[in-house]
PDB file of N, CA and C in Angstrom:
ATOM      1  N   UNK A   1       8.167  -3.765  -0.906  1.00  0.00           N
ATOM      2  CA  UNK A   1       8.809  -3.173  -2.045  1.00  0.00           C
ATOM      3  C   UNK A   1      10.180  -2.654  -1.598  1.00  0.00           C
ATOM      4  N   UNK A   2      11.184  -2.907  -2.406  1.00  0.00           N
ATOM      5  CA  UNK A   2      12.538  -2.458  -2.088  1.00  0.00           C
ATOM      6  C   UNK A   2      12.664  -0.960  -2.339  1.00  0.00           C
ATOM      7  N   UNK A   3      13.428  -0.314  -1.506  1.00  0.00           N
ATOM      8  CA  UNK A   3      13.637   1.124  -1.693  1.00  0.00           C
ATOM      9  C   UNK A   3      14.657   1.357  -2.806  1.00  0.00           C
ATOM     10  N   UNK A   4      14.567   2.516  -3.411  1.00  0.00           N
ATOM     11  CA  UNK A   4      15.535   2.887  -4.432  1.00  0.00           C
ATOM     12  C   UNK A   4      16.857   3.225  -3.766  1.00  0.00           C
ATOM     13  N   UNK A   5      17.954   2.740  -4.322  1.00  0.00           N
ATOM     14  CA  UNK A   5      19.250   3.095  -3.729  1.00  0.00           C
ATOM     15  C   UNK A   5      19.510   4.584  -3.910  1.00  0.00           C
ATOM     16  N   UNK A   6      20.115   5.189  -2.916  1.00  0.00           N
ATOM     17  CA  UNK A   6      20.413   6.615  -3.027  1.00  0.00           C
ATOM     18  C   UNK A   6      21.683   6.807  -3.846  1.00  0.00           C
ATOM     19  N   UNK A   7      21.717   7.887  -4.568  1.00  0.00           N
ATOM     20  CA  UNK A   7      22.883   8.220  -5.373  1.00  0.00           C
ATOM     21  C   UNK A   7      23.928   8.855  -4.461  1.00  0.00           C
ATOM     22  N   UNK A   8      25.167   8.366  -4.524  1.00  0.00           N
ATOM     23  CA  UNK A   8      26.200   8.957  -3.663  1.00  0.00           C
ATOM     24  C   UNK A   8      26.471  10.406  -4.047  1.00  0.00           C
ATOM     25  N   UNK A   9      26.796  11.193  -3.058  1.00  0.00           N
ATOM     26  CA  UNK A   9      27.102  12.603  -3.302  1.00  0.00           C
ATOM     27  C   UNK A   9      28.467  12.720  -3.965  1.00  0.00           C
ATOM     28  N   UNK A  10      28.571  13.643  -4.885  1.00  0.00           N
ATOM     29  CA  UNK A  10      29.857  13.906  -5.516  1.00  0.00           C
ATOM     30  C   UNK A  10      30.584  14.996  -4.736  1.00  0.00           C
ATOM     31  N   UNK A  11      31.908  15.010  -4.810  1.00  0.00           N
ATOM     32  CA  UNK A  11      32.648  16.084  -4.151  1.00  0.00           C
ATOM     33  C   UNK A  11      32.233  17.440  -4.705  1.00  0.00           C
ATOM     34  N   UNK A  12      32.201  18.420  -3.845  1.00  0.00           N
ATOM     35  CA  UNK A  12      31.925  19.793  -4.270  1.00  0.00           C
ATOM     36  C   UNK A  12      33.247  20.362  -4.775  1.00  0.00           C
ATOM     37  N   UNK A  13      33.532  20.075  -6.032  1.00  0.00           N
ATOM     38  CA  UNK A  13      34.833  20.359  -6.606  1.00  0.00           C
ATOM     39  C   UNK A  13      34.633  20.843  -8.040  1.00  0.00           C
ATOM     40  N   UNK A  14      35.432  21.761  -8.484  1.00  0.00           N
ATOM     41  CA  UNK A  14      35.340  22.289  -9.839  1.00  0.00           C
ATOM     42  C   UNK A  14      36.321  21.541 -10.744  1.00  0.00           C
ATOM     43  N   UNK A  15      35.839  20.781 -11.713  1.00  0.00           N
ATOM     44  CA  UNK A  15      36.743  20.047 -12.596  1.00  0.00           C
ATOM     45  C   UNK A  15      37.747  20.938 -13.326  1.00  0.00           C
ATOM     46  N   UNK A  16      37.393  22.177 -13.589  1.00  0.00           N
ATOM     47  CA  UNK A  16      38.307  23.083 -14.287  1.00  0.00           C
ATOM     48  C   UNK A  16      39.573  23.373 -13.476  1.00  0.00           C
ATOM     49  N   UNK A  17      39.522  23.141 -12.177  1.00  0.00           N
ATOM     50  CA  UNK A  17      40.686  23.409 -11.324  1.00  0.00           C
ATOM     51  C   UNK A  17      41.857  22.475 -11.622  1.00  0.00           C
ATOM     52  N   UNK A  18      41.605  21.377 -12.328  1.00  0.00           N
ATOM     53  CA  UNK A  18      42.652  20.401 -12.623  1.00  0.00           C
ATOM     54  C   UNK A  18      43.377  20.678 -13.935  1.00  0.00           C
ATOM     55  N   UNK A  19      42.786  21.520 -14.771  1.00  0.00           N
ATOM     56  CA  UNK A  19      43.380  21.811 -16.077  1.00  0.00           C
ATOM     57  C   UNK A  19      44.737  22.485 -15.886  1.00  0.00           C
ATOM     58  N   UNK A  20      45.730  21.945 -16.580  1.00  0.00           N
ATOM     59  CA  UNK A  20      47.090  22.474 -16.508  1.00  0.00           C
ATOM     60  C   UNK A  20      47.993  21.734 -15.538  1.00  0.00           C
ATOM     61  N   UNK A  21      47.398  20.930 -14.645  1.00  0.00           N
ATOM     62  CA  UNK A  21      48.203  20.179 -13.686  1.00  0.00           C
ATOM     63  C   UNK A  21      48.830  18.948 -14.344  1.00  0.00           C
ATOM     64  N   UNK A  22      49.960  18.511 -13.808  1.00  0.00           N
ATOM     65  CA  UNK A  22      50.575  17.263 -14.241  1.00  0.00           C
ATOM     66  C   UNK A  22      49.588  16.142 -13.928  1.00  0.00           C
ATOM     67  N   UNK A  23      49.454  15.167 -14.813  1.00  0.00           N
ATOM     68  CA  UNK A  23      48.407  14.140 -14.702  1.00  0.00           C
ATOM     69  C   UNK A  23      48.457  13.374 -13.381  1.00  0.00           C
ATOM     70  N   UNK A  24      49.608  12.949 -12.938  1.00  0.00           N
ATOM     71  CA  UNK A  24      49.720  12.208 -11.680  1.00  0.00           C
ATOM     72  C   UNK A  24      49.327  13.060 -10.482  1.00  0.00           C
ATOM     73  N   UNK A  25      49.761  14.298 -10.480  1.00  0.00           N
ATOM     74  CA  UNK A  25      49.410  15.222  -9.398  1.00  0.00           C
ATOM     75  C   UNK A  25      47.899  15.455  -9.373  1.00  0.00           C
ATOM     76  N   UNK A  26      47.299  15.634 -10.552  1.00  0.00           N
ATOM     77  CA  UNK A  26      45.857  15.869 -10.642  1.00  0.00           C
ATOM     78  C   UNK A  26      45.086  14.659 -10.120  1.00  0.00           C
ATOM     79  N   UNK A  27      45.529  13.456 -10.465  1.00  0.00           N
ATOM     80  CA  UNK A  27      44.846  12.248  -9.994  1.00  0.00           C
ATOM     81  C   UNK A  27      44.925  12.120  -8.478  1.00  0.00           C
ATOM     82  N   UNK A  28      46.094  12.354  -7.912  1.00  0.00           N
ATOM     83  CA  UNK A  28      46.241  12.285  -6.444  1.00  0.00           C
ATOM     84  C   UNK A  28      45.332  13.311  -5.762  1.00  0.00           C
ATOM     85  N   UNK A  29      45.326  14.525  -6.276  1.00  0.00           N
ATOM     86  CA  UNK A  29      44.505  15.589  -5.703  1.00  0.00           C
ATOM     87  C   UNK A  29      43.011  15.241  -5.797  1.00  0.00           C
ATOM     88  N   UNK A  30      42.591  14.710  -6.935  1.00  0.00           N
ATOM     89  CA  UNK A  30      41.183  14.344  -7.121  1.00  0.00           C
ATOM     90  C   UNK A  30      40.774  13.269  -6.107  1.00  0.00           C
ATOM     91  N   UNK A  31      41.616  12.291  -5.882  1.00  0.00           N
ATOM     92  CA  UNK A  31      41.293  11.234  -4.910  1.00  0.00           C
ATOM     93  C   UNK A  31      41.253  11.808  -3.489  1.00  0.00           C
ATOM     94  N   UNK A  32      42.169  12.712  -3.173  1.00  0.00           N
ATOM     95  CA  UNK A  32      42.152  13.362  -1.856  1.00  0.00           C
ATOM     96  C   UNK A  32      40.871  14.147  -1.643  1.00  0.00           C
ATOM     97  N   UNK A  33      40.334  14.706  -2.712  1.00  0.00           N
ATOM     98  CA  UNK A  33      39.110  15.517  -2.627  1.00  0.00           C
ATOM     99  C   UNK A  33      37.837  14.681  -2.675  1.00  0.00           C
ATOM    100  N   UNK A  34      37.991  13.351  -2.775  1.00  0.00           N
ATOM    101  CA  UNK A  34      36.833  12.478  -2.647  1.00  0.00           C
ATOM    102  C   UNK A  34      36.296  11.820  -3.898  1.00  0.00           C
ATOM    103  N   UNK A  35      36.957  11.989  -5.049  1.00  0.00           N
ATOM    104  CA  UNK A  35      36.491  11.318  -6.257  1.00  0.00           C
ATOM    105  C   UNK A  35      36.819   9.831  -6.141  1.00  0.00           C
ATOM    106  N   UNK A  36      35.822   8.982  -6.323  1.00  0.00           N
ATOM    107  CA  UNK A  36      36.041   7.542  -6.172  1.00  0.00           C
ATOM    108  C   UNK A  36      36.705   6.937  -7.398  1.00  0.00           C
ATOM    109  N   UNK A  37      36.483   7.511  -8.565  1.00  0.00           N
ATOM    110  CA  UNK A  37      37.098   7.020  -9.794  1.00  0.00           C
ATOM    111  C   UNK A  37      37.682   8.202 -10.550  1.00  0.00           C
ATOM    112  N   UNK A  38      38.920   8.046 -10.988  1.00  0.00           N
ATOM    113  CA  UNK A  38      39.577   9.069 -11.798  1.00  0.00           C
ATOM    114  C   UNK A  38      40.064   8.370 -13.067  1.00  0.00           C
ATOM    115  N   UNK A  39      39.666   8.906 -14.203  1.00  0.00           N
ATOM    116  CA  UNK A  39      39.987   8.263 -15.480  1.00  0.00           C
ATOM    117  C   UNK A  39      40.791   9.226 -16.333  1.00  0.00           C
ATOM    118  N   UNK A  40      42.008   8.813 -16.715  1.00  0.00           N
ATOM    119  CA  UNK A  40      42.867   9.610 -17.600  1.00  0.00           C
ATOM    120  C   UNK A  40      42.756   9.053 -19.009  1.00  0.00           C
ATOM    121  N   UNK A  41      42.516   9.945 -19.954  1.00  0.00           N
ATOM    122  CA  UNK A  41      42.280   9.537 -21.338  1.00  0.00           C
ATOM    123  C   UNK A  41      43.151  10.338 -22.288  1.00  0.00           C
ATOM    124  N   UNK A  42      43.605   9.714 -23.373  1.00  0.00           N
ATOM    125  CA  UNK A  42      44.331  10.481 -24.384  1.00  0.00           C
ATOM    126  C   UNK A  42      43.354  11.300 -25.223  1.00  0.00           C
ATOM    127  N   UNK A  43      43.835  12.341 -25.896  1.00  0.00           N
ATOM    128  CA  UNK A  43      42.949  13.140 -26.748  1.00  0.00           C
ATOM    129  C   UNK A  43      42.266  12.261 -27.797  1.00  0.00           C
ATOM    130  N   UNK A  44      40.980  12.483 -27.995  1.00  0.00           N
ATOM    131  CA  UNK A  44      40.238  11.760 -29.016  1.00  0.00           C
ATOM    132  C   UNK A  44      39.879  10.329 -28.680  1.00  0.00           C
ATOM    133  N   UNK A  45      40.076   9.930 -27.427  1.00  0.00           N
ATOM    134  CA  UNK A  45      39.753   8.555 -27.036  1.00  0.00           C
ATOM    135  C   UNK A  45      38.265   8.287 -27.213  1.00  0.00           C
ATOM    136  N   UNK A  46      37.953   7.083 -27.639  1.00  0.00           N
ATOM    137  CA  UNK A  46      36.560   6.674 -27.773  1.00  0.00           C
ATOM    138  C   UNK A  46      36.136   6.115 -26.422  1.00  0.00           C
ATOM    139  N   UNK A  47      35.104   6.732 -25.830  1.00  0.00           N
ATOM    140  CA  UNK A  47      34.650   6.314 -24.500  1.00  0.00           C
ATOM    141  C   UNK A  47      33.140   6.166 -24.492  1.00  0.00           C
ATOM    142  N   UNK A  48      32.653   5.432 -23.518  1.00  0.00           N
ATOM    143  CA  UNK A  48      31.209   5.336 -23.340  1.00  0.00           C
ATOM    144  C   UNK A  48      30.723   6.641 -22.718  1.00  0.00           C
ATOM    145  N   UNK A  49      29.478   6.959 -22.926  1.00  0.00           N
ATOM    146  CA  UNK A  49      28.953   8.243 -22.482  1.00  0.00           C
ATOM    147  C   UNK A  49      28.043   8.139 -21.254  1.00  0.00           C
ATOM    148  N   UNK A  50      27.989   6.972 -20.618  1.00  0.00           N
ATOM    149  CA  UNK A  50      27.140   6.880 -19.434  1.00  0.00           C
ATOM    150  C   UNK A  50      27.722   7.750 -18.319  1.00  0.00           C
ATOM    151  N   UNK A  51      26.834   8.323 -17.540  1.00  0.00           N
ATOM    152  CA  UNK A  51      27.256   9.187 -16.434  1.00  0.00           C
ATOM    153  C   UNK A  51      27.440   8.325 -15.199  1.00  0.00           C
ATOM    154  N   UNK A  52      28.600   8.415 -14.567  1.00  0.00           N
ATOM    155  CA  UNK A  52      28.857   7.664 -13.343  1.00  0.00           C
ATOM    156  C   UNK A  52      29.171   8.651 -12.230  1.00  0.00           C
ATOM    157  N   UNK A  53      28.332   8.629 -11.201  1.00  0.00           N
ATOM    158  CA  UNK A  53      28.553   9.502 -10.054  1.00  0.00           C
ATOM    159  C   UNK A  53      29.898   9.171  -9.420  1.00  0.00           C
ATOM    160  N   UNK A  54      30.613  10.198  -9.022  1.00  0.00           N
ATOM    161  CA  UNK A  54      31.888  10.009  -8.343  1.00  0.00           C
ATOM    162  C   UNK A  54      33.065   9.813  -9.269  1.00  0.00           C
ATOM    163  N   UNK A  55      32.840   9.915 -10.590  1.00  0.00           N
ATOM    164  CA  UNK A  55      33.946   9.740 -11.532  1.00  0.00           C
ATOM    165  C   UNK A  55      34.365  11.092 -12.098  1.00  0.00           C
ATOM    166  N   UNK A  56      35.665  11.298 -12.157  1.00  0.00           N
ATOM    167  CA  UNK A  56      36.239  12.490 -12.762  1.00  0.00           C
ATOM    168  C   UNK A  56      37.111  12.037 -13.932  1.00  0.00           C
ATOM    169  N   UNK A  57      36.904  12.652 -15.080  1.00  0.00           N
ATOM    170  CA  UNK A  57      37.641  12.304 -16.296  1.00  0.00           C
ATOM    171  C   UNK A  57      38.661  13.383 -16.618  1.00  0.00           C
ATOM    172  N   UNK A  58      39.834  12.953 -17.040  1.00  0.00           N
ATOM    173  CA  UNK A  58      40.879  13.867 -17.484  1.00  0.00           C
ATOM    174  C   UNK A  58      41.261  13.525 -18.914  1.00  0.00           C
ATOM    175  N   UNK A  59      41.322  14.525 -19.773  1.00  0.00           N
ATOM    176  CA  UNK A  59      41.953  14.358 -21.081  1.00  0.00           C
ATOM    177  C   UNK A  59      43.384  14.841 -20.893  1.00  0.00           C
ATOM    178  N   UNK A  60      44.335  13.957 -21.144  1.00  0.00           N
ATOM    179  CA  UNK A  60      45.741  14.250 -20.862  1.00  0.00           C
ATOM    180  C   UNK A  60      46.513  14.400 -22.167  1.00  0.00           C
ATOM    181  N   UNK A  61      47.189  15.538 -22.308  1.00  0.00           N
ATOM    182  CA  UNK A  61      48.064  15.807 -23.452  1.00  0.00           C
ATOM    183  C   UNK A  61      49.443  16.160 -22.927  1.00  0.00           C
ATOM    184  N   UNK A  62      50.442  15.503 -23.437  1.00  0.00           N
ATOM    185  CA  UNK A  62      51.834  15.776 -23.047  1.00  0.00           C
ATOM    186  C   UNK A  62      52.018  15.749 -21.535  1.00  0.00           C
ATOM    187  N   UNK A  63      51.310  14.824 -20.862  1.00  0.00           N
ATOM    188  CA  UNK A  63      51.484  14.636 -19.426  1.00  0.00           C
ATOM    189  C   UNK A  63      50.716  15.608 -18.543  1.00  0.00           C
ATOM    190  N   UNK A  64      49.928  16.491 -19.150  1.00  0.00           N
ATOM    191  CA  UNK A  64      49.166  17.479 -18.380  1.00  0.00           C
ATOM    192  C   UNK A  64      47.686  17.383 -18.721  1.00  0.00           C
ATOM    193  N   UNK A  65      46.862  17.741 -17.745  1.00  0.00           N
ATOM    194  CA  UNK A  65      45.411  17.722 -17.931  1.00  0.00           C
ATOM    195  C   UNK A  65      45.026  18.890 -18.842  1.00  0.00           C
ATOM    196  N   UNK A  66      44.426  18.552 -19.988  1.00  0.00           N
ATOM    197  CA  UNK A  66      43.997  19.574 -20.943  1.00  0.00           C
ATOM    198  C   UNK A  66      42.508  19.887 -20.773  1.00  0.00           C
ATOM    199  N   UNK A  67      41.766  18.912 -20.239  1.00  0.00           N
ATOM    200  CA  UNK A  67      40.311  19.060 -20.056  1.00  0.00           C
ATOM    201  C   UNK A  67      39.901  18.134 -18.933  1.00  0.00           C
ATOM    202  N   UNK A  68      38.882  18.526 -18.188  1.00  0.00           N
ATOM    203  CA  UNK A  68      38.395  17.715 -17.084  1.00  0.00           C
ATOM    204  C   UNK A  68      36.882  17.850 -16.998  1.00  0.00           C
ATOM    205  N   UNK A  69      36.193  16.718 -16.727  1.00  0.00           N
ATOM    206  CA  UNK A  69      34.733  16.753 -16.600  1.00  0.00           C
ATOM    207  C   UNK A  69      34.247  15.623 -15.717  1.00  0.00           C
ATOM    208  N   UNK A  70      33.072  15.834 -15.145  1.00  0.00           N
ATOM    209  CA  UNK A  70      32.459  14.835 -14.262  1.00  0.00           C
ATOM    210  C   UNK A  70      31.800  13.735 -15.080  1.00  0.00           C
ATOM    211  N   UNK A  71      31.671  12.586 -14.455  1.00  0.00           N
ATOM    212  CA  UNK A  71      30.856  11.511 -14.988  1.00  0.00           C
ATOM    213  C   UNK A  71      31.600  10.458 -15.688  1.00  0.00           C
TER     214      UNK A  71
END
């Protein structure tokens, strides 16, 4: 029987720390801190709701992160 794949660990990072940062700066910082995927979205974007380990989402308004969440 095949073993279950282990879920990769996510960075021990607070998504709220990115709110207010310029979008490019926030993305660079998130990658430096170990996030494998960083997704920038406009306000009200229609997105899928599946949870992906290692992904950090940014809602970007006027070039700055207005909201940030995992998955």
